[in-house]
Amino acid sequence: MKLTHKLVCMAIALVMLPTASFAIVDFGMYGGYTFAGKFDAPTISNADTNGWQYGFIGHLNGSVIPMILSMGIGGFYQKSPLSYTLAGKDFDLTKTMYGIDAIAMLELPILIHPYARAGIAINEKVELKYPGGSWSEEKKFNSYYFGLGAAFTVFPFVQVFGEYLYNYSKLEDDATLKSNSINIGARLNI
């Protein structure tokens, strides 16, 4: 019991340690899982989508309120090889996008830094495979996402983070693709 008590006290002390995580530039990569997604099209109604995803982000950051709030703007790349279920059968749907990403992070004087992140896809490609063939579409500025997360400073220049993102894509012929995802990743702050 004493060991558990000591470990809990050390964990609390680590979280409360003052640290500076502000960076002029950051680069990160993440992986995650898309859950509770919906694909709607004229011939497909509320098809559930899910699957793994991965991506890369980078920002140029600036301090809005010194030692309290920083904001960054940069870019992202994300690929989501998803599947959807229709009439009891699974089909493949792959979404690849890149675009502009923005982040606002609280620079609290502790190891945990909550943030909000949002982005818009400059280009998005959706490929759909079904029993009769395949379909693909490439659009510009038709997809956006937003979410919340928290970064944990491991070393002065390294953070690990976890986040929730909601993504919405407007496709051709009144088709939409909505998804909820959870990501974890690491970021290098320079």
N, C-alpha and C. Protein backbone atom coordinates (compact mmCIF):
# COMPACT_ATOMS: atom_id res chain seq x y z
N MET A 1 0.83 -1.20 0.00
CA MET A 1 0.00 0.00 0.00
C MET A 1 0.87 1.25 0.00
N LYS A 2 1.99 1.19 0.72
CA LYS A 2 2.87 2.35 0.76
C LYS A 2 3.46 2.65 -0.61
N LEU A 3 3.79 1.60 -1.38
CA LEU A 3 4.34 1.79 -2.71
C LEU A 3 3.31 2.47 -3.63
N THR A 4 2.08 2.02 -3.56
CA THR A 4 1.02 2.64 -4.36
C THR A 4 0.83 4.09 -3.98
N HIS A 5 0.85 4.38 -2.70
CA HIS A 5 0.70 5.75 -2.21
C HIS A 5 1.85 6.63 -2.73
N LYS A 6 3.08 6.10 -2.70
CA LYS A 6 4.23 6.85 -3.20
C LYS A 6 4.13 7.10 -4.71
N LEU A 7 3.70 6.08 -5.46
CA LEU A 7 3.55 6.24 -6.90
C LEU A 7 2.50 7.28 -7.26
N VAL A 8 1.40 7.30 -6.54
CA VAL A 8 0.35 8.29 -6.77
C VAL A 8 0.87 9.69 -6.46
N CYS A 9 1.59 9.84 -5.35
CA CYS A 9 2.17 11.15 -4.98
C CYS A 9 3.18 11.62 -6.03
N MET A 10 4.01 10.70 -6.54
CA MET A 10 4.99 11.07 -7.56
C MET A 10 4.29 11.48 -8.86
N ALA A 11 3.22 10.77 -9.22
CA ALA A 11 2.49 11.12 -10.44
C ALA A 11 1.86 12.50 -10.32
N ILE A 12 1.29 12.80 -9.18
CA ILE A 12 0.69 14.13 -8.95
C ILE A 12 1.77 15.20 -8.99
N ALA A 13 2.92 14.94 -8.38
CA ALA A 13 4.01 15.91 -8.38
C ALA A 13 4.53 16.17 -9.80
N LEU A 14 4.62 15.11 -10.63
CA LEU A 14 5.08 15.27 -12.01
C LEU A 14 4.13 16.14 -12.82
N VAL A 15 2.82 15.94 -12.62
CA VAL A 15 1.84 16.72 -13.36
C VAL A 15 1.89 18.19 -12.95
N MET A 16 2.22 18.48 -11.72
CA MET A 16 2.23 19.85 -11.22
C MET A 16 3.57 20.55 -11.43
N LEU A 17 4.58 19.85 -11.95
CA LEU A 17 5.88 20.48 -12.18
C LEU A 17 5.79 21.59 -13.22
N PRO A 18 6.36 22.74 -12.97
CA PRO A 18 6.36 23.79 -13.99
C PRO A 18 7.22 23.37 -15.18
N THR A 19 6.70 23.66 -16.37
CA THR A 19 7.44 23.36 -17.58
C THR A 19 7.01 24.31 -18.68
N ALA A 20 7.89 24.61 -19.57
CA ALA A 20 7.56 25.45 -20.72
C ALA A 20 7.50 24.57 -21.95
N SER A 21 6.38 24.60 -22.65
CA SER A 21 6.25 23.74 -23.83
C SER A 21 6.09 24.56 -25.10
N PHE A 22 6.12 25.87 -25.01
CA PHE A 22 5.92 26.70 -26.19
C PHE A 22 7.01 26.42 -27.22
N ALA A 23 6.60 26.31 -28.46
CA ALA A 23 7.55 26.06 -29.54
C ALA A 23 7.22 26.97 -30.71
N ILE A 24 8.25 27.39 -31.42
CA ILE A 24 8.04 28.20 -32.61
C ILE A 24 7.51 27.32 -33.74
N VAL A 25 8.03 26.12 -33.85
CA VAL A 25 7.60 25.16 -34.87
C VAL A 25 7.38 23.82 -34.19
N ASP A 26 6.33 23.11 -34.62
CA ASP A 26 6.13 21.74 -34.13
C ASP A 26 5.80 20.83 -35.30
N PHE A 27 6.24 19.58 -35.18
CA PHE A 27 5.97 18.54 -36.16
C PHE A 27 5.48 17.32 -35.39
N GLY A 28 4.45 16.67 -35.89
CA GLY A 28 3.94 15.50 -35.20
C GLY A 28 3.36 14.47 -36.13
N MET A 29 3.16 13.29 -35.59
CA MET A 29 2.48 12.22 -36.31
C MET A 29 1.53 11.54 -35.35
N TYR A 30 0.47 10.97 -35.89
CA TYR A 30 -0.54 10.35 -35.05
C TYR A 30 -1.17 9.18 -35.77
N GLY A 31 -1.80 8.37 -34.98
CA GLY A 31 -2.59 7.26 -35.49
C GLY A 31 -3.84 7.17 -34.63
N GLY A 32 -4.88 6.61 -35.19
CA GLY A 32 -6.10 6.54 -34.41
C GLY A 32 -7.13 5.63 -35.05
N TYR A 33 -8.32 5.71 -34.50
CA TYR A 33 -9.41 4.86 -34.95
C TYR A 33 -10.64 5.72 -35.20
N THR A 34 -11.27 5.54 -36.34
CA THR A 34 -12.51 6.22 -36.68
C THR A 34 -13.66 5.32 -36.27
N PHE A 35 -14.52 5.86 -35.43
CA PHE A 35 -15.68 5.12 -34.96
C PHE A 35 -16.94 5.97 -35.19
N ALA A 36 -18.08 5.37 -35.11
CA ALA A 36 -19.37 6.07 -35.20
C ALA A 36 -19.45 6.98 -36.41
N GLY A 37 -18.94 6.50 -37.54
CA GLY A 37 -19.03 7.28 -38.76
C GLY A 37 -20.28 6.90 -39.55
N LYS A 38 -20.71 7.82 -40.41
CA LYS A 38 -21.89 7.58 -41.26
C LYS A 38 -21.58 8.02 -42.68
N PHE A 39 -21.95 7.17 -43.63
CA PHE A 39 -21.83 7.47 -45.04
C PHE A 39 -23.23 7.50 -45.61
N ASP A 40 -23.64 8.67 -46.14
CA ASP A 40 -24.97 8.84 -46.73
C ASP A 40 -24.81 9.22 -48.19
N ALA A 41 -25.56 8.55 -49.04
CA ALA A 41 -25.59 8.86 -50.48
C ALA A 41 -27.01 8.58 -50.96
N PRO A 42 -27.34 9.00 -52.16
CA PRO A 42 -28.70 8.75 -52.64
C PRO A 42 -29.10 7.27 -52.61
N THR A 43 -28.15 6.38 -52.86
CA THR A 43 -28.48 4.94 -52.86
C THR A 43 -28.07 4.24 -51.57
N ILE A 44 -27.37 4.96 -50.69
CA ILE A 44 -26.89 4.37 -49.42
C ILE A 44 -27.37 5.26 -48.29
N SER A 45 -28.03 4.68 -47.31
CA SER A 45 -28.55 5.47 -46.20
C SER A 45 -27.93 5.03 -44.88
N ASN A 46 -27.25 5.94 -44.21
CA ASN A 46 -26.67 5.71 -42.88
C ASN A 46 -25.82 4.45 -42.79
N ALA A 47 -24.92 4.26 -43.72
CA ALA A 47 -24.00 3.14 -43.65
C ALA A 47 -22.94 3.46 -42.60
N ASP A 48 -22.74 2.58 -41.66
CA ASP A 48 -21.75 2.78 -40.59
C ASP A 48 -20.35 2.63 -41.15
N THR A 49 -19.46 3.57 -40.80
CA THR A 49 -18.06 3.49 -41.22
C THR A 49 -17.17 3.40 -40.00
N ASN A 50 -16.08 2.68 -40.16
CA ASN A 50 -15.06 2.61 -39.10
C ASN A 50 -13.76 2.14 -39.73
N GLY A 51 -12.69 2.33 -38.98
CA GLY A 51 -11.38 1.89 -39.45
C GLY A 51 -10.26 2.73 -38.86
N TRP A 52 -9.05 2.32 -39.14
CA TRP A 52 -7.86 2.99 -38.62
C TRP A 52 -7.52 4.19 -39.49
N GLN A 53 -6.73 5.09 -38.95
CA GLN A 53 -6.25 6.23 -39.72
C GLN A 53 -4.89 6.66 -39.18
N TYR A 54 -4.17 7.41 -40.00
CA TYR A 54 -2.88 7.96 -39.57
C TYR A 54 -2.68 9.30 -40.25
N GLY A 55 -1.79 10.12 -39.68
CA GLY A 55 -1.57 11.42 -40.27
C GLY A 55 -0.35 12.12 -39.72
N PHE A 56 -0.07 13.28 -40.31
CA PHE A 56 1.06 14.12 -39.93
C PHE A 56 0.58 15.56 -39.81
N ILE A 57 1.13 16.30 -38.86
CA ILE A 57 0.79 17.70 -38.67
C ILE A 57 2.05 18.52 -38.44
N GLY A 58 1.97 19.80 -38.70
CA GLY A 58 3.06 20.72 -38.43
C GLY A 58 2.50 22.13 -38.34
N HIS A 59 3.06 22.93 -37.43
CA HIS A 59 2.55 24.28 -37.21
C HIS A 59 3.69 25.28 -37.02
N LEU A 60 3.41 26.51 -37.39
CA LEU A 60 4.22 27.66 -37.03
C LEU A 60 3.43 28.35 -35.92
N ASN A 61 4.02 28.46 -34.73
CA ASN A 61 3.29 28.92 -33.55
C ASN A 61 3.68 30.33 -33.12
N GLY A 62 2.74 30.96 -32.45
CA GLY A 62 2.98 32.29 -31.88
C GLY A 62 2.25 32.39 -30.55
N SER A 63 2.79 33.17 -29.64
CA SER A 63 2.19 33.35 -28.34
C SER A 63 1.15 34.47 -28.40
N VAL A 64 -0.10 34.17 -28.07
CA VAL A 64 -1.16 35.16 -28.06
C VAL A 64 -1.17 35.88 -26.71
N ILE A 65 -1.18 35.09 -25.65
CA ILE A 65 -1.05 35.61 -24.28
C ILE A 65 0.16 34.89 -23.70
N PRO A 66 1.27 35.59 -23.50
CA PRO A 66 2.50 34.92 -23.06
C PRO A 66 2.29 34.02 -21.85
N MET A 67 2.83 32.82 -21.96
CA MET A 67 2.80 31.79 -20.91
C MET A 67 1.39 31.30 -20.59
N ILE A 68 0.38 31.68 -21.41
CA ILE A 68 -0.98 31.19 -21.17
C ILE A 68 -1.58 30.56 -22.42
N LEU A 69 -1.53 31.27 -23.55
CA LEU A 69 -2.18 30.78 -24.76
C LEU A 69 -1.28 30.97 -25.98
N SER A 70 -1.10 29.88 -26.72
CA SER A 70 -0.38 29.97 -27.99
C SER A 70 -1.29 29.46 -29.11
N MET A 71 -1.05 29.97 -30.30
CA MET A 71 -1.81 29.54 -31.47
C MET A 71 -0.84 29.22 -32.59
N GLY A 72 -1.21 28.24 -33.38
CA GLY A 72 -0.36 27.87 -34.50
C GLY A 72 -1.18 27.59 -35.74
N ILE A 73 -0.56 27.81 -36.87
CA ILE A 73 -1.20 27.49 -38.15
C ILE A 73 -0.18 26.72 -38.98
N GLY A 74 -0.68 25.72 -39.69
CA GLY A 74 0.22 24.89 -40.46
C GLY A 74 -0.55 23.99 -41.40
N GLY A 75 -0.05 22.78 -41.54
CA GLY A 75 -0.66 21.85 -42.47
C GLY A 75 -0.84 20.47 -41.87
N PHE A 76 -1.61 19.65 -42.58
CA PHE A 76 -1.83 18.27 -42.16
C PHE A 76 -1.95 17.38 -43.39
N TYR A 77 -1.69 16.09 -43.17
CA TYR A 77 -1.94 15.04 -44.15
C TYR A 77 -2.57 13.90 -43.37
N GLN A 78 -3.66 13.34 -43.89
CA GLN A 78 -4.32 12.24 -43.18
C GLN A 78 -4.86 11.23 -44.17
N LYS A 79 -4.68 9.96 -43.86
CA LYS A 79 -5.22 8.87 -44.68
C LYS A 79 -6.06 7.98 -43.78
N SER A 80 -7.26 7.67 -44.26
CA SER A 80 -8.20 6.85 -43.49
C SER A 80 -8.71 5.70 -44.35
N PRO A 81 -8.10 4.50 -44.24
CA PRO A 81 -8.66 3.34 -44.94
C PRO A 81 -9.82 2.78 -44.11
N LEU A 82 -11.03 3.17 -44.47
CA LEU A 82 -12.23 2.81 -43.72
C LEU A 82 -12.97 1.66 -44.39
N SER A 83 -13.94 1.14 -43.68
CA SER A 83 -14.87 0.19 -44.27
C SER A 83 -16.27 0.62 -43.86
N TYR A 84 -17.25 0.28 -44.67
CA TYR A 84 -18.63 0.56 -44.30
C TYR A 84 -19.46 -0.70 -44.50
N THR A 85 -20.52 -0.79 -43.74
CA THR A 85 -21.38 -1.97 -43.76
C THR A 85 -22.70 -1.60 -44.41
N LEU A 86 -23.10 -2.41 -45.38
CA LEU A 86 -24.36 -2.20 -46.07
C LEU A 86 -24.98 -3.57 -46.33
N ALA A 87 -26.19 -3.76 -45.86
CA ALA A 87 -26.91 -5.03 -46.01
C ALA A 87 -26.09 -6.21 -45.49
N GLY A 88 -25.40 -6.00 -44.39
CA GLY A 88 -24.63 -7.06 -43.76
C GLY A 88 -23.30 -7.37 -44.40
N LYS A 89 -22.88 -6.59 -45.41
CA LYS A 89 -21.60 -6.82 -46.07
C LYS A 89 -20.69 -5.61 -45.86
N ASP A 90 -19.38 -5.87 -45.77
CA ASP A 90 -18.39 -4.80 -45.59
C ASP A 90 -17.80 -4.40 -46.94
N PHE A 91 -17.63 -3.08 -47.13
CA PHE A 91 -17.04 -2.53 -48.33
C PHE A 91 -15.94 -1.56 -47.93
N ASP A 92 -14.98 -1.33 -48.83
CA ASP A 92 -13.85 -0.45 -48.56
C ASP A 92 -14.12 0.97 -49.01
N LEU A 93 -13.69 1.92 -48.19
CA LEU A 93 -13.78 3.34 -48.50
C LEU A 93 -12.49 3.97 -47.97
N THR A 94 -11.70 4.55 -48.84
CA THR A 94 -10.43 5.15 -48.43
C THR A 94 -10.50 6.66 -48.66
N LYS A 95 -10.18 7.41 -47.62
CA LYS A 95 -10.19 8.87 -47.70
C LYS A 95 -8.79 9.39 -47.43
N THR A 96 -8.26 10.17 -48.37
CA THR A 96 -6.94 10.79 -48.24
C THR A 96 -7.12 12.29 -48.38
N MET A 97 -6.60 13.06 -47.42
CA MET A 97 -6.75 14.51 -47.51
C MET A 97 -5.52 15.22 -46.95
N TYR A 98 -5.32 16.44 -47.43
CA TYR A 98 -4.30 17.32 -46.89
C TYR A 98 -4.84 18.73 -46.93
N GLY A 99 -4.32 19.57 -46.01
CA GLY A 99 -4.84 20.93 -45.98
C GLY A 99 -4.25 21.77 -44.88
N ILE A 100 -5.03 22.74 -44.44
CA ILE A 100 -4.61 23.73 -43.44
C ILE A 100 -5.11 23.31 -42.07
N ASP A 101 -4.24 23.39 -41.09
CA ASP A 101 -4.57 23.00 -39.71
C ASP A 101 -4.25 24.17 -38.79
N ALA A 102 -5.11 24.39 -37.81
CA ALA A 102 -4.88 25.43 -36.80
C ALA A 102 -5.02 24.82 -35.41
N ILE A 103 -4.23 25.31 -34.47
CA ILE A 103 -4.26 24.80 -33.11
C ILE A 103 -4.17 25.96 -32.12
N ALA A 104 -4.95 25.87 -31.05
CA ALA A 104 -4.88 26.84 -29.94
C ALA A 104 -4.62 26.03 -28.68
N MET A 105 -3.51 26.29 -28.00
CA MET A 105 -3.10 25.48 -26.85
C MET A 105 -2.90 26.35 -25.62
N LEU A 106 -3.44 25.86 -24.49
CA LEU A 106 -3.18 26.51 -23.21
C LEU A 106 -1.80 26.11 -22.74
N GLU A 107 -0.96 27.09 -22.49
CA GLU A 107 0.41 26.84 -22.05
C GLU A 107 0.47 26.93 -20.53
N LEU A 108 -0.22 26.03 -19.87
CA LEU A 108 -0.25 26.03 -18.41
C LEU A 108 1.13 25.68 -17.87
N PRO A 109 1.47 26.18 -16.68
CA PRO A 109 2.79 25.89 -16.12
C PRO A 109 2.88 24.50 -15.49
N ILE A 110 2.20 23.53 -16.11
CA ILE A 110 2.29 22.13 -15.67
C ILE A 110 2.54 21.29 -16.92
N LEU A 111 2.63 19.99 -16.76
CA LEU A 111 2.98 19.11 -17.88
C LEU A 111 1.84 18.86 -18.85
N ILE A 112 0.59 19.12 -18.47
CA ILE A 112 -0.55 18.84 -19.34
C ILE A 112 -1.02 20.13 -20.00
N HIS A 113 -1.23 20.08 -21.33
CA HIS A 113 -1.60 21.26 -22.09
C HIS A 113 -2.83 20.95 -22.96
N PRO A 114 -4.02 21.39 -22.53
CA PRO A 114 -5.22 21.17 -23.36
C PRO A 114 -5.19 22.06 -24.60
N TYR A 115 -5.83 21.57 -25.67
CA TYR A 115 -5.85 22.35 -26.91
C TYR A 115 -7.11 22.06 -27.71
N ALA A 116 -7.38 22.96 -28.65
CA ALA A 116 -8.43 22.78 -29.64
C ALA A 116 -7.75 22.83 -31.00
N ARG A 117 -8.21 21.97 -31.91
CA ARG A 117 -7.59 21.89 -33.23
C ARG A 117 -8.69 21.85 -34.28
N ALA A 118 -8.48 22.51 -35.41
CA ALA A 118 -9.44 22.51 -36.51
C ALA A 118 -8.69 22.60 -37.83
N GLY A 119 -9.34 22.14 -38.88
CA GLY A 119 -8.70 22.21 -40.19
C GLY A 119 -9.69 22.10 -41.32
N ILE A 120 -9.21 22.46 -42.49
CA ILE A 120 -10.00 22.33 -43.72
C ILE A 120 -9.10 21.68 -44.77
N ALA A 121 -9.69 20.75 -45.50
CA ALA A 121 -8.92 20.03 -46.52
C ALA A 121 -8.82 20.87 -47.78
N ILE A 122 -7.60 21.12 -48.21
CA ILE A 122 -7.38 21.77 -49.51
C ILE A 122 -7.77 20.79 -50.61
N ASN A 123 -7.39 19.54 -50.42
CA ASN A 123 -7.71 18.49 -51.39
C ASN A 123 -8.11 17.23 -50.63
N GLU A 124 -9.14 16.57 -51.13
CA GLU A 124 -9.59 15.31 -50.52
C GLU A 124 -9.95 14.34 -51.63
N LYS A 125 -9.46 13.11 -51.49
CA LYS A 125 -9.78 12.06 -52.46
C LYS A 125 -10.47 10.92 -51.71
N VAL A 126 -11.61 10.52 -52.22
CA VAL A 126 -12.37 9.41 -51.65
C VAL A 126 -12.46 8.32 -52.70
N GLU A 127 -12.06 7.11 -52.31
CA GLU A 127 -12.16 5.95 -53.19
C GLU A 127 -13.10 4.94 -52.56
N LEU A 128 -14.06 4.48 -53.32
CA LEU A 128 -15.08 3.57 -52.83
C LEU A 128 -15.05 2.30 -53.66
N LYS A 129 -14.97 1.15 -53.01
CA LYS A 129 -15.00 -0.13 -53.71
C LYS A 129 -16.27 -0.87 -53.31
N TYR A 130 -16.99 -1.38 -54.28
CA TYR A 130 -18.22 -2.10 -54.04
C TYR A 130 -18.29 -3.27 -55.02
N PRO A 131 -19.24 -4.21 -54.84
CA PRO A 131 -19.24 -5.43 -55.66
C PRO A 131 -19.26 -5.18 -57.17
N GLY A 132 -19.93 -4.13 -57.64
CA GLY A 132 -20.02 -3.89 -59.08
C GLY A 132 -18.86 -3.10 -59.65
N GLY A 133 -17.92 -2.67 -58.85
CA GLY A 133 -16.79 -1.89 -59.35
C GLY A 133 -16.24 -0.95 -58.30
N SER A 134 -15.82 0.22 -58.77
CA SER A 134 -15.26 1.20 -57.83
C SER A 134 -15.60 2.61 -58.30
N TRP A 135 -15.46 3.56 -57.42
CA TRP A 135 -15.77 4.96 -57.69
C TRP A 135 -14.78 5.80 -56.91
N SER A 136 -14.33 6.88 -57.50
CA SER A 136 -13.44 7.78 -56.78
C SER A 136 -13.80 9.22 -57.13
N GLU A 137 -13.49 10.11 -56.19
CA GLU A 137 -13.80 11.51 -56.36
C GLU A 137 -12.73 12.33 -55.66
N GLU A 138 -12.37 13.42 -56.28
CA GLU A 138 -11.39 14.33 -55.69
C GLU A 138 -12.00 15.72 -55.69
N LYS A 139 -12.05 16.34 -54.50
CA LYS A 139 -12.64 17.67 -54.37
C LYS A 139 -11.72 18.55 -53.56
N LYS A 140 -11.93 19.85 -53.71
CA LYS A 140 -11.13 20.82 -52.98
C LYS A 140 -12.02 21.61 -52.03
N PHE A 141 -11.51 21.86 -50.83
CA PHE A 141 -12.18 22.66 -49.81
C PHE A 141 -13.60 22.18 -49.52
N ASN A 142 -13.80 20.86 -49.40
CA ASN A 142 -15.13 20.34 -49.11
C ASN A 142 -15.20 19.59 -47.79
N SER A 143 -14.11 19.50 -47.08
CA SER A 143 -14.06 18.72 -45.85
C SER A 143 -13.45 19.56 -44.74
N TYR A 144 -13.98 19.43 -43.55
CA TYR A 144 -13.40 20.13 -42.40
C TYR A 144 -13.46 19.24 -41.17
N TYR A 145 -12.70 19.59 -40.17
CA TYR A 145 -12.73 18.86 -38.90
C TYR A 145 -12.43 19.82 -37.77
N PHE A 146 -12.82 19.41 -36.57
CA PHE A 146 -12.49 20.14 -35.36
C PHE A 146 -12.49 19.16 -34.21
N GLY A 147 -11.78 19.51 -33.14
CA GLY A 147 -11.72 18.61 -32.01
C GLY A 147 -10.97 19.20 -30.83
N LEU A 148 -10.89 18.39 -29.79
CA LEU A 148 -10.23 18.77 -28.54
C LEU A 148 -9.22 17.69 -28.17
N GLY A 149 -8.16 18.12 -27.49
CA GLY A 149 -7.15 17.17 -27.07
C GLY A 149 -6.33 17.71 -25.93
N ALA A 150 -5.37 16.91 -25.51
CA ALA A 150 -4.44 17.32 -24.46
C ALA A 150 -3.07 16.73 -24.79
N ALA A 151 -2.05 17.57 -24.61
CA ALA A 151 -0.67 17.15 -24.84
C ALA A 151 0.02 17.03 -23.49
N PHE A 152 0.89 16.07 -23.38
CA PHE A 152 1.63 15.82 -22.15
C PHE A 152 3.12 15.94 -22.49
N THR A 153 3.81 16.87 -21.83
CA THR A 153 5.23 17.09 -22.09
C THR A 153 6.06 15.99 -21.43
N VAL A 154 6.73 15.21 -22.26
CA VAL A 154 7.57 14.11 -21.77
C VAL A 154 8.97 14.63 -21.47
N PHE A 155 9.54 15.35 -22.43
CA PHE A 155 10.83 16.01 -22.32
C PHE A 155 10.62 17.46 -22.76
N PRO A 156 11.55 18.35 -22.54
CA PRO A 156 11.32 19.75 -22.93
C PRO A 156 10.89 19.96 -24.38
N PHE A 157 11.31 19.11 -25.32
CA PHE A 157 10.95 19.31 -26.72
C PHE A 157 10.03 18.24 -27.27
N VAL A 158 9.57 17.32 -26.44
CA VAL A 158 8.76 16.20 -26.92
C VAL A 158 7.45 16.13 -26.13
N GLN A 159 6.35 16.00 -26.87
CA GLN A 159 5.04 15.84 -26.27
C GLN A 159 4.35 14.62 -26.86
N VAL A 160 3.57 13.94 -26.05
CA VAL A 160 2.63 12.94 -26.54
C VAL A 160 1.25 13.56 -26.38
N PHE A 161 0.33 13.19 -27.26
CA PHE A 161 -0.99 13.80 -27.18
C PHE A 161 -2.08 12.80 -27.53
N GLY A 162 -3.26 13.11 -27.06
CA GLY A 162 -4.47 12.36 -27.39
C GLY A 162 -5.55 13.35 -27.74
N GLU A 163 -6.40 12.98 -28.71
CA GLU A 163 -7.42 13.92 -29.16
C GLU A 163 -8.64 13.22 -29.71
N TYR A 164 -9.74 13.97 -29.72
CA TYR A 164 -10.97 13.56 -30.38
C TYR A 164 -11.20 14.52 -31.55
N LEU A 165 -11.53 14.00 -32.73
CA LEU A 165 -11.81 14.83 -33.90
C LEU A 165 -13.15 14.43 -34.53
N TYR A 166 -13.91 15.43 -34.94
CA TYR A 166 -15.13 15.23 -35.73
C TYR A 166 -14.82 15.72 -37.14
N ASN A 167 -15.13 14.89 -38.15
CA ASN A 167 -14.84 15.23 -39.53
C ASN A 167 -16.11 15.17 -40.36
N TYR A 168 -16.27 16.15 -41.27
CA TYR A 168 -17.44 16.21 -42.16
C TYR A 168 -16.96 16.44 -43.58
N SER A 169 -17.43 15.61 -44.51
CA SER A 169 -17.08 15.74 -45.93
C SER A 169 -18.35 15.78 -46.76
N LYS A 170 -18.43 16.75 -47.65
CA LYS A 170 -19.55 16.87 -48.59
C LYS A 170 -19.06 16.35 -49.93
N LEU A 171 -19.68 15.27 -50.41
CA LEU A 171 -19.27 14.64 -51.66
C LEU A 171 -20.26 14.97 -52.77
N GLU A 172 -20.03 14.41 -53.95
CA GLU A 172 -20.94 14.63 -55.09
C GLU A 172 -22.31 14.02 -54.84
N ASP A 173 -23.30 14.50 -55.58
CA ASP A 173 -24.65 13.95 -55.57
C ASP A 173 -25.26 13.87 -54.18
N ASP A 174 -25.08 14.90 -53.40
CA ASP A 174 -25.65 14.98 -52.04
C ASP A 174 -25.17 13.88 -51.11
N ALA A 175 -24.01 13.33 -51.36
CA ALA A 175 -23.43 12.31 -50.47
C ALA A 175 -22.62 13.02 -49.39
N THR A 176 -22.64 12.48 -48.18
CA THR A 176 -21.86 13.02 -47.07
C THR A 176 -21.16 11.88 -46.33
N LEU A 177 -20.04 12.22 -45.75
CA LEU A 177 -19.27 11.29 -44.93
C LEU A 177 -18.93 12.01 -43.64
N LYS A 178 -19.45 11.49 -42.52
CA LYS A 178 -19.19 12.07 -41.20
C LYS A 178 -18.46 11.03 -40.37
N SER A 179 -17.53 11.49 -39.55
CA SER A 179 -16.81 10.53 -38.72
C SER A 179 -16.37 11.14 -37.41
N ASN A 180 -16.23 10.29 -36.43
CA ASN A 180 -15.68 10.63 -35.12
C ASN A 180 -14.45 9.77 -34.94
N SER A 181 -13.36 10.36 -34.48
CA SER A 181 -12.14 9.57 -34.32
C SER A 181 -11.39 9.98 -33.06
N ILE A 182 -10.64 9.03 -32.57
CA ILE A 182 -9.74 9.21 -31.43
C ILE A 182 -8.33 8.96 -31.94
N ASN A 183 -7.41 9.89 -31.67
CA ASN A 183 -6.02 9.77 -32.12
C ASN A 183 -5.07 9.87 -30.95
N ILE A 184 -3.93 9.21 -31.08
CA ILE A 184 -2.81 9.42 -30.16
C ILE A 184 -1.57 9.65 -31.02
N GLY A 185 -0.65 10.45 -30.51
CA GLY A 185 0.53 10.71 -31.31
C GLY A 185 1.63 11.36 -30.51
N ALA A 186 2.66 11.78 -31.22
CA ALA A 186 3.81 12.45 -30.61
C ALA A 186 4.16 13.67 -31.44
N ARG A 187 4.66 14.69 -30.78
CA ARG A 187 4.99 15.96 -31.43
C ARG A 187 6.36 16.42 -30.95
N LEU A 188 7.16 16.90 -31.90
CA LEU A 188 8.48 17.46 -31.59
C LEU A 188 8.35 18.98 -31.66
N ASN A 189 8.71 19.68 -30.60
CA ASN A 189 8.63 21.14 -30.54
C ASN A 189 10.02 21.72 -30.65
N ILE A 190 10.19 22.63 -31.60
CA ILE A 190 11.51 23.26 -31.80
C ILE A 190 11.40 24.73 -31.55
